[in-house]
N, C-alpha and C. Protein backbone atom coordinates (compact mmCIF):
# COMPACT_ATOMS: atom_id res chain seq x y z
N MET A 1 0.84 -1.17 0.02
CA MET A 1 0.05 -0.02 -0.04
C MET A 1 0.92 1.16 -0.03
N LYS A 2 0.59 2.21 -0.81
CA LYS A 2 1.31 3.43 -0.93
C LYS A 2 0.95 4.38 0.17
N GLN A 3 2.00 4.86 0.88
CA GLN A 3 1.76 5.92 1.89
C GLN A 3 2.68 7.19 1.54
N VAL A 4 2.07 8.33 1.76
CA VAL A 4 2.81 9.58 1.64
C VAL A 4 2.99 10.22 2.96
N LEU A 5 4.18 10.52 3.36
CA LEU A 5 4.41 11.14 4.64
C LEU A 5 5.14 12.43 4.51
N ASP A 6 4.71 13.42 5.31
CA ASP A 6 5.28 14.72 5.33
C ASP A 6 6.32 14.71 6.44
N VAL A 7 7.62 14.68 6.06
CA VAL A 7 8.71 14.54 7.04
C VAL A 7 9.58 15.75 6.97
N HIS A 8 9.78 16.34 8.20
CA HIS A 8 10.56 17.59 8.32
C HIS A 8 11.88 17.25 9.02
N GLY A 9 12.95 17.98 8.65
CA GLY A 9 14.21 17.86 9.26
C GLY A 9 15.27 17.24 8.38
N MET A 10 14.84 16.76 7.19
CA MET A 10 15.77 16.15 6.24
C MET A 10 16.50 17.32 5.37
N THR A 11 17.84 17.41 5.59
CA THR A 11 18.51 18.46 5.00
C THR A 11 19.64 18.04 4.07
N CYS A 12 19.90 16.79 3.95
CA CYS A 12 20.98 16.38 3.12
C CYS A 12 20.77 14.91 2.70
N GLY A 13 21.73 14.39 1.94
CA GLY A 13 21.66 13.04 1.41
C GLY A 13 21.78 12.00 2.59
N HIS A 14 22.56 12.35 3.66
CA HIS A 14 22.62 11.44 4.81
C HIS A 14 21.28 11.34 5.48
N CYS A 15 20.53 12.40 5.54
CA CYS A 15 19.17 12.45 6.10
C CYS A 15 18.24 11.46 5.23
N GLU A 16 18.29 11.54 4.01
CA GLU A 16 17.53 10.71 3.12
C GLU A 16 17.91 9.20 3.39
N LYS A 17 19.22 8.91 3.51
CA LYS A 17 19.68 7.54 3.75
C LYS A 17 19.14 7.07 5.07
N SER A 18 19.22 7.91 6.16
CA SER A 18 18.79 7.52 7.40
C SER A 18 17.24 7.13 7.38
N VAL A 19 16.42 7.91 6.81
CA VAL A 19 15.06 7.70 6.71
C VAL A 19 14.75 6.36 5.88
N THR A 20 15.45 6.26 4.76
CA THR A 20 15.29 5.06 3.93
C THR A 20 15.67 3.81 4.77
N THR A 21 16.77 3.87 5.44
CA THR A 21 17.29 2.74 6.19
C THR A 21 16.29 2.38 7.29
N ALA A 22 15.75 3.35 8.02
CA ALA A 22 14.73 3.13 9.04
C ALA A 22 13.56 2.37 8.49
N ILE A 23 13.05 2.76 7.34
CA ILE A 23 12.00 2.15 6.66
C ILE A 23 12.23 0.73 6.28
N LYS A 24 13.57 0.55 5.60
CA LYS A 24 13.86 -0.72 5.14
C LYS A 24 14.15 -1.75 6.24
N LEU A 25 14.48 -1.24 7.45
CA LEU A 25 14.68 -2.14 8.60
C LEU A 25 13.26 -2.65 9.11
N LEU A 26 12.30 -1.82 8.97
CA LEU A 26 10.88 -2.20 9.27
C LEU A 26 10.24 -3.14 8.17
N ASP A 27 10.54 -2.79 6.95
CA ASP A 27 9.98 -3.63 5.85
C ASP A 27 11.05 -3.62 4.72
N PRO A 28 11.93 -4.67 4.66
CA PRO A 28 13.01 -4.79 3.68
C PRO A 28 12.47 -4.74 2.28
N GLN A 29 11.13 -5.08 1.99
CA GLN A 29 10.70 -5.06 0.63
C GLN A 29 10.00 -3.68 0.21
N ALA A 30 10.12 -2.70 1.06
CA ALA A 30 9.49 -1.48 0.88
C ALA A 30 10.21 -0.71 -0.18
N GLU A 31 9.41 0.05 -1.01
CA GLU A 31 9.97 0.91 -2.10
C GLU A 31 9.83 2.37 -1.49
N VAL A 32 10.94 3.05 -1.50
CA VAL A 32 11.04 4.39 -0.93
C VAL A 32 11.44 5.40 -1.93
N ARG A 33 10.70 6.58 -1.93
CA ARG A 33 11.10 7.81 -2.86
C ARG A 33 10.96 8.96 -1.92
N ILE A 34 12.02 9.76 -2.00
CA ILE A 34 12.14 10.93 -1.15
C ILE A 34 12.31 12.12 -1.98
N ASP A 35 11.52 13.14 -1.71
CA ASP A 35 11.66 14.52 -2.27
C ASP A 35 11.96 15.47 -1.14
N ARG A 36 13.18 15.71 -0.83
CA ARG A 36 13.66 16.43 0.24
C ARG A 36 13.16 17.89 0.22
N GLY A 37 13.14 18.40 -0.94
CA GLY A 37 12.62 19.78 -1.21
C GLY A 37 11.19 20.00 -0.80
N GLN A 38 10.41 19.04 -0.98
CA GLN A 38 9.04 19.01 -0.67
C GLN A 38 8.68 18.38 0.69
N ASN A 39 9.77 17.86 1.41
CA ASN A 39 9.48 17.17 2.71
C ASN A 39 8.67 16.00 2.60
N ARG A 40 8.75 15.31 1.45
CA ARG A 40 7.80 14.30 1.06
C ARG A 40 8.52 12.94 0.98
N VAL A 41 7.94 11.97 1.64
CA VAL A 41 8.48 10.53 1.56
C VAL A 41 7.30 9.65 1.08
N GLU A 42 7.56 8.95 -0.01
CA GLU A 42 6.52 8.12 -0.54
C GLU A 42 7.03 6.68 -0.24
N VAL A 43 6.14 5.90 0.33
CA VAL A 43 6.58 4.48 0.67
C VAL A 43 5.50 3.57 0.15
N ASN A 44 5.97 2.59 -0.50
CA ASN A 44 5.09 1.45 -0.92
C ASN A 44 5.46 0.31 -0.04
N SER A 45 4.54 -0.06 0.90
CA SER A 45 4.89 -1.08 1.97
C SER A 45 3.65 -1.65 2.44
N THR A 46 3.83 -2.87 3.06
CA THR A 46 2.68 -3.44 3.78
C THR A 46 2.46 -3.01 5.18
N GLN A 47 3.45 -2.19 5.69
CA GLN A 47 3.38 -1.61 7.07
C GLN A 47 2.30 -0.52 7.08
N THR A 48 1.77 -0.30 8.30
CA THR A 48 0.87 0.79 8.53
C THR A 48 1.59 2.14 8.49
N ARG A 49 0.74 3.20 8.21
CA ARG A 49 1.36 4.47 8.21
C ARG A 49 2.00 4.82 9.60
N GLU A 50 1.32 4.52 10.66
CA GLU A 50 1.92 4.79 12.01
C GLU A 50 3.22 4.02 12.25
N ALA A 51 3.32 2.84 11.77
CA ALA A 51 4.49 2.11 11.96
C ALA A 51 5.65 2.78 11.23
N LEU A 52 5.37 3.14 9.99
CA LEU A 52 6.40 3.92 9.18
C LEU A 52 6.82 5.21 9.89
N ALA A 53 5.74 5.95 10.29
CA ALA A 53 6.03 7.20 10.95
C ALA A 53 6.88 7.05 12.20
N GLU A 54 6.52 6.06 12.91
CA GLU A 54 7.34 5.88 14.20
C GLU A 54 8.83 5.48 13.92
N ALA A 55 9.05 4.72 12.87
CA ALA A 55 10.43 4.37 12.52
C ALA A 55 11.14 5.58 12.08
N ILE A 56 10.47 6.51 11.37
CA ILE A 56 11.19 7.70 10.98
C ILE A 56 11.40 8.64 12.20
N ARG A 57 10.42 8.72 13.07
CA ARG A 57 10.61 9.52 14.30
C ARG A 57 11.69 9.09 15.15
N GLU A 58 11.87 7.78 15.20
CA GLU A 58 13.05 7.22 15.97
C GLU A 58 14.40 7.62 15.44
N GLU A 59 14.49 8.05 14.18
CA GLU A 59 15.68 8.55 13.62
C GLU A 59 15.87 9.99 13.90
N GLY A 60 14.83 10.63 14.47
CA GLY A 60 14.95 12.06 14.88
C GLY A 60 14.31 13.02 13.98
N TYR A 61 13.39 12.58 13.13
CA TYR A 61 12.75 13.46 12.12
C TYR A 61 11.34 13.61 12.58
N GLN A 62 10.71 14.72 12.17
CA GLN A 62 9.35 15.00 12.55
C GLN A 62 8.40 14.51 11.42
N VAL A 63 7.41 13.79 11.71
CA VAL A 63 6.44 13.40 10.77
C VAL A 63 5.03 14.04 11.02
N ALA A 64 4.56 14.78 10.05
CA ALA A 64 3.30 15.43 10.27
C ALA A 64 2.15 14.37 10.25
N ALA A 65 1.13 14.69 10.99
CA ALA A 65 -0.02 13.75 11.11
C ALA A 65 -0.74 13.76 9.83
């Protein structure tokens, strides 16, 4: 299922990698696309939106509701 998350605090490529890694640890099969300029993370995953958001929050980024 495709989820679109509004993630704030990503400022560089390392940030993108951290967010991607957090999602992939939760769901190794997830497809992740990040648009840092739009603060947008698109995830195609079987995980719930809240589970994905929590994994990203644990990395120190803010996820809008």
